[in-house]
Protein backbone atom coordinates (compact mmCIF):
# COMPACT_ATOMS: atom_id res chain seq x y z
CA MET A 1 0.00 0.00 0.00
CA GLY A 2 1.28 3.42 -0.84
CA PHE A 3 0.08 6.99 -0.74
CA THR A 4 0.92 9.99 -2.86
CA ALA A 5 2.20 13.11 -1.12
CA ALA A 6 -1.13 14.80 -1.84
CA GLU A 7 -3.10 11.90 -0.37
CA LEU A 8 -1.01 12.00 2.79
CA GLU A 9 -1.26 15.78 3.05
CA ALA A 10 -5.04 15.40 3.28
CA TYR A 11 -4.45 13.80 6.70
CA ARG A 12 -2.56 16.77 8.18
CA ASP A 13 -3.97 17.61 11.62
CA ALA A 14 -6.20 14.52 11.62
CA VAL A 15 -6.71 13.01 15.07
CA VAL A 16 -5.79 9.36 15.56
CA PRO A 17 -7.58 7.54 18.38
CA ASP A 18 -5.66 5.79 21.13
CA LEU A 19 -5.24 2.03 21.01
CA VAL A 20 -5.92 1.12 24.63
CA ALA A 21 -8.30 -1.22 26.42
CA PRO A 22 -9.06 -2.43 29.93
CA GLY A 23 -6.19 -4.46 31.33
CA VAL A 24 -3.46 -2.34 29.72
CA ARG A 25 -0.20 -2.93 31.57
CA LEU A 26 2.29 -1.07 29.37
CA LEU A 27 1.24 2.16 27.67
CA PHE A 28 3.59 3.35 24.93
CA VAL A 29 3.40 7.08 24.23
CA GLY A 30 4.50 8.40 20.85
CA ILE A 31 5.15 12.06 20.18
CA ASN A 32 2.36 12.48 17.61
CA PRO A 33 0.99 10.53 14.66
CA SER A 34 2.57 10.74 11.24
CA LEU A 35 0.43 11.43 8.21
CA TRP A 36 0.82 7.74 7.31
CA THR A 37 -0.49 6.73 10.73
CA ALA A 38 -3.46 9.05 10.24
CA ALA A 39 -4.13 7.56 6.80
CA THR A 40 -4.06 3.96 8.06
CA GLY A 41 -5.39 4.55 11.57
CA ALA A 42 -2.53 2.39 12.86
CA PRO A 43 0.05 3.78 15.30
CA PHE A 44 3.71 3.65 14.23
CA SER A 45 2.66 2.28 10.80
CA ARG A 46 4.89 4.34 8.51
CA PRO A 47 7.21 2.05 6.53
CA GLY A 48 10.67 2.25 8.05
CA ASN A 49 9.37 2.79 11.58
CA ARG A 50 11.03 0.23 13.83
CA PHE A 51 8.44 0.05 16.62
CA TYR A 52 6.90 -3.31 15.71
CA PRO A 53 10.17 -4.98 14.68
CA ALA A 54 11.61 -3.90 18.07
CA LEU A 55 8.60 -5.26 19.97
CA ALA A 56 8.99 -8.61 18.24
CA ALA A 57 12.78 -8.69 18.70
CA ALA A 58 12.31 -8.05 22.43
CA GLY A 59 9.68 -10.81 22.71
CA ILE A 60 7.00 -8.29 23.74
CA THR A 61 4.84 -9.51 20.84
CA SER A 62 4.78 -13.07 19.56
CA ARG A 63 5.36 -11.96 15.98
CA GLU A 64 6.27 -8.87 14.01
CA LEU A 65 3.22 -6.84 13.16
CA ARG A 66 3.34 -5.17 9.74
CA PRO A 67 0.73 -2.40 9.83
CA ALA A 68 1.78 -0.32 6.80
CA ALA A 69 -1.75 -0.82 5.46
CA GLY A 70 -3.33 -0.69 8.93
CA LEU A 71 -3.62 -3.06 11.87
CA THR A 72 -5.67 -6.18 11.32
CA GLN A 73 -8.09 -7.41 13.98
CA GLU A 74 -5.50 -10.09 14.81
CA ASP A 75 -2.84 -7.39 15.23
CA ARG A 76 -5.06 -5.37 17.57
CA ALA A 77 -5.92 -8.52 19.53
CA GLU A 78 -2.20 -9.31 19.84
CA LEU A 79 -1.45 -5.90 21.35
CA VAL A 80 -4.51 -5.63 23.59
CA GLY A 81 -4.26 -9.28 24.65
CA ARG A 82 -0.70 -8.75 25.79
CA GLY A 83 -1.65 -5.65 27.76
CA ILE A 84 -0.06 -3.14 25.39
CA GLY A 85 -1.64 0.24 24.74
CA ILE A 86 -0.54 3.08 22.47
CA THR A 87 -1.27 6.80 22.68
CA ASN A 88 0.50 10.03 21.73
CA LEU A 89 1.47 13.20 23.55
CA VAL A 90 -0.13 15.23 20.76
CA ARG A 91 -3.01 13.69 18.87
CA ARG A 92 -2.81 15.67 15.61
CA ALA A 93 -0.91 14.27 12.65
CA THR A 94 2.05 16.08 11.09
CA VAL A 95 4.85 15.21 8.70
CA ARG A 96 7.48 15.63 11.44
CA ALA A 97 7.34 16.01 15.20
CA ASP A 98 9.35 19.25 15.00
CA GLU A 99 6.18 20.88 13.59
CA LEU A 100 4.70 20.78 17.10
CA SER A 101 4.98 23.72 19.47
CA ALA A 102 6.27 23.47 23.03
CA ALA A 103 2.80 24.49 24.21
CA GLU A 104 1.24 21.54 22.33
CA LEU A 105 3.69 19.15 23.95
CA ARG A 106 2.98 20.57 27.43
CA GLU A 107 -0.78 20.27 26.80
CA GLY A 108 -0.14 16.70 25.67
CA ALA A 109 1.59 15.91 28.95
CA GLU A 110 -1.48 17.17 30.81
CA ARG A 111 -3.76 15.04 28.62
CA LEU A 112 -1.50 12.06 29.28
CA HIS A 113 -2.12 12.43 33.01
CA GLY A 114 -5.83 11.94 32.32
CA THR A 115 -5.25 8.97 30.03
CA VAL A 116 -3.04 7.24 32.58
CA SER A 117 -5.47 8.01 35.40
CA ARG A 118 -8.33 6.54 33.35
CA TRP A 119 -6.63 3.30 32.25
CA SER A 120 -4.20 2.70 35.17
CA PRO A 121 -1.35 0.97 33.33
CA GLU A 122 1.48 -0.33 35.48
CA VAL A 123 4.10 1.29 33.24
CA VAL A 124 4.14 4.25 30.84
CA ALA A 125 6.94 4.45 28.25
CA VAL A 126 7.32 7.77 26.42
CA ALA A 127 9.14 7.30 23.10
CA GLY A 128 11.37 10.32 22.60
CA VAL A 129 13.55 12.00 25.21
CA THR A 130 13.55 15.44 23.55
CA ALA A 131 9.76 15.61 23.40
CA TYR A 132 9.57 14.28 26.97
CA ARG A 133 11.90 17.01 28.21
CA VAL A 134 9.77 19.73 26.64
CA ALA A 135 6.38 18.21 27.51
CA PHE A 136 7.21 17.65 31.17
CA GLY A 137 9.50 20.65 31.68
CA LEU A 138 12.49 18.47 32.57
CA PRO A 139 15.34 19.70 30.35
CA LYS A 140 17.92 17.35 31.90
CA ALA A 141 15.85 14.15 31.76
CA ARG A 142 17.58 11.10 30.34
CA ALA A 143 16.31 7.91 28.80
CA GLY A 144 15.40 5.06 31.12
CA ARG A 145 13.35 4.78 34.31
CA GLN A 146 12.35 8.20 35.58
CA PRO A 147 12.54 9.03 39.30
CA GLU A 148 8.90 10.10 39.40
CA ASN A 149 5.78 8.12 38.59
CA LEU A 150 2.91 9.30 36.42
CA GLU A 151 -0.48 8.91 38.11
CA GLY A 152 0.85 5.86 39.95
CA ALA A 153 2.46 4.23 36.89
CA ALA A 154 6.20 3.65 36.64
CA LEU A 155 7.49 6.13 34.07
CA TRP A 156 10.12 5.35 31.45
CA VAL A 157 11.58 7.30 28.55
CA VAL A 158 12.63 5.14 25.62
CA PRO A 159 14.09 5.97 22.19
CA ASN A 160 11.78 7.06 19.41
CA PRO A 161 11.45 4.27 16.79
CA SER A 162 11.15 6.64 13.83
CA GLY A 163 13.51 6.05 10.94
CA LEU A 164 14.62 9.68 11.48
CA ASN A 165 16.24 8.52 14.73
CA ALA A 166 19.13 6.92 12.89
CA HIS A 167 21.44 6.20 15.82
CA ASP A 168 19.15 3.50 17.23
CA THR A 169 18.79 0.06 15.67
CA VAL A 170 16.05 -2.53 16.04
CA THR A 171 18.37 -4.32 18.47
CA SER A 172 18.98 -1.26 20.65
CA LEU A 173 15.29 -0.33 20.53
CA ALA A 174 14.34 -3.89 21.53
CA ALA A 175 16.64 -3.69 24.55
CA ALA A 176 15.24 -0.28 25.54
CA TYR A 177 11.62 -1.47 25.19
CA ALA A 178 12.26 -4.72 27.06
CA ALA A 179 13.10 -2.88 30.30
CA PRO A 180 9.67 -1.24 30.77
CA ALA A 181 8.01 -4.42 29.47
CA ARG A 182 9.75 -6.37 32.26
CA ALA A 183 8.65 -3.75 34.79
CA ALA A 184 5.05 -4.20 33.55
CA GLY A 185 5.31 -7.98 33.88
CA LEU A 186 5.10 -8.60 30.13
CA LEU A 187 8.54 -10.23 30.02
CA PRO A 188 10.24 -12.43 32.62
CA PRO A 189 12.76 -10.69 34.85
CA THR A 190 16.43 -10.98 33.99
CA ASP A 191 18.71 -12.90 36.33
């Protein structure tokens, strides 16, 4: 499945609903949806995004989901059944995250408080340290487990899986995503 630039542009500022259900244990938080995600309705679906390959490599999912044309019912059942939810700091779709204002990111952090309070995941993993720093007003924050919780959930910052984040590989993303997955009880603890 492919889209022309004009077809994708028609999805600018579209809102993509969260993928979350009762029993969520690990809530991944993207920065905002891409135009491709808005077109397919599937989070992290742009070809070249390494989110789903990293989940599979870490053993968080039983197989690699390939949602470039959208998530199938089986794909959604895989995520929800494993206790995985997905939301974004900012809900509107853009070509790049750098199109978002600091105010939008801060508002997104406030909205995230409500989302986490509503669904009560054990762990929240924000994908993107730069966006996290701006959204939460913590300019020195680093990736990994954060000292504070978010509405009772353990809070992690993990690398963004976008292909624009070239210094991370599927292997390094898998390792980074495995840590909060272990904390949420989705993976066995390491010895």
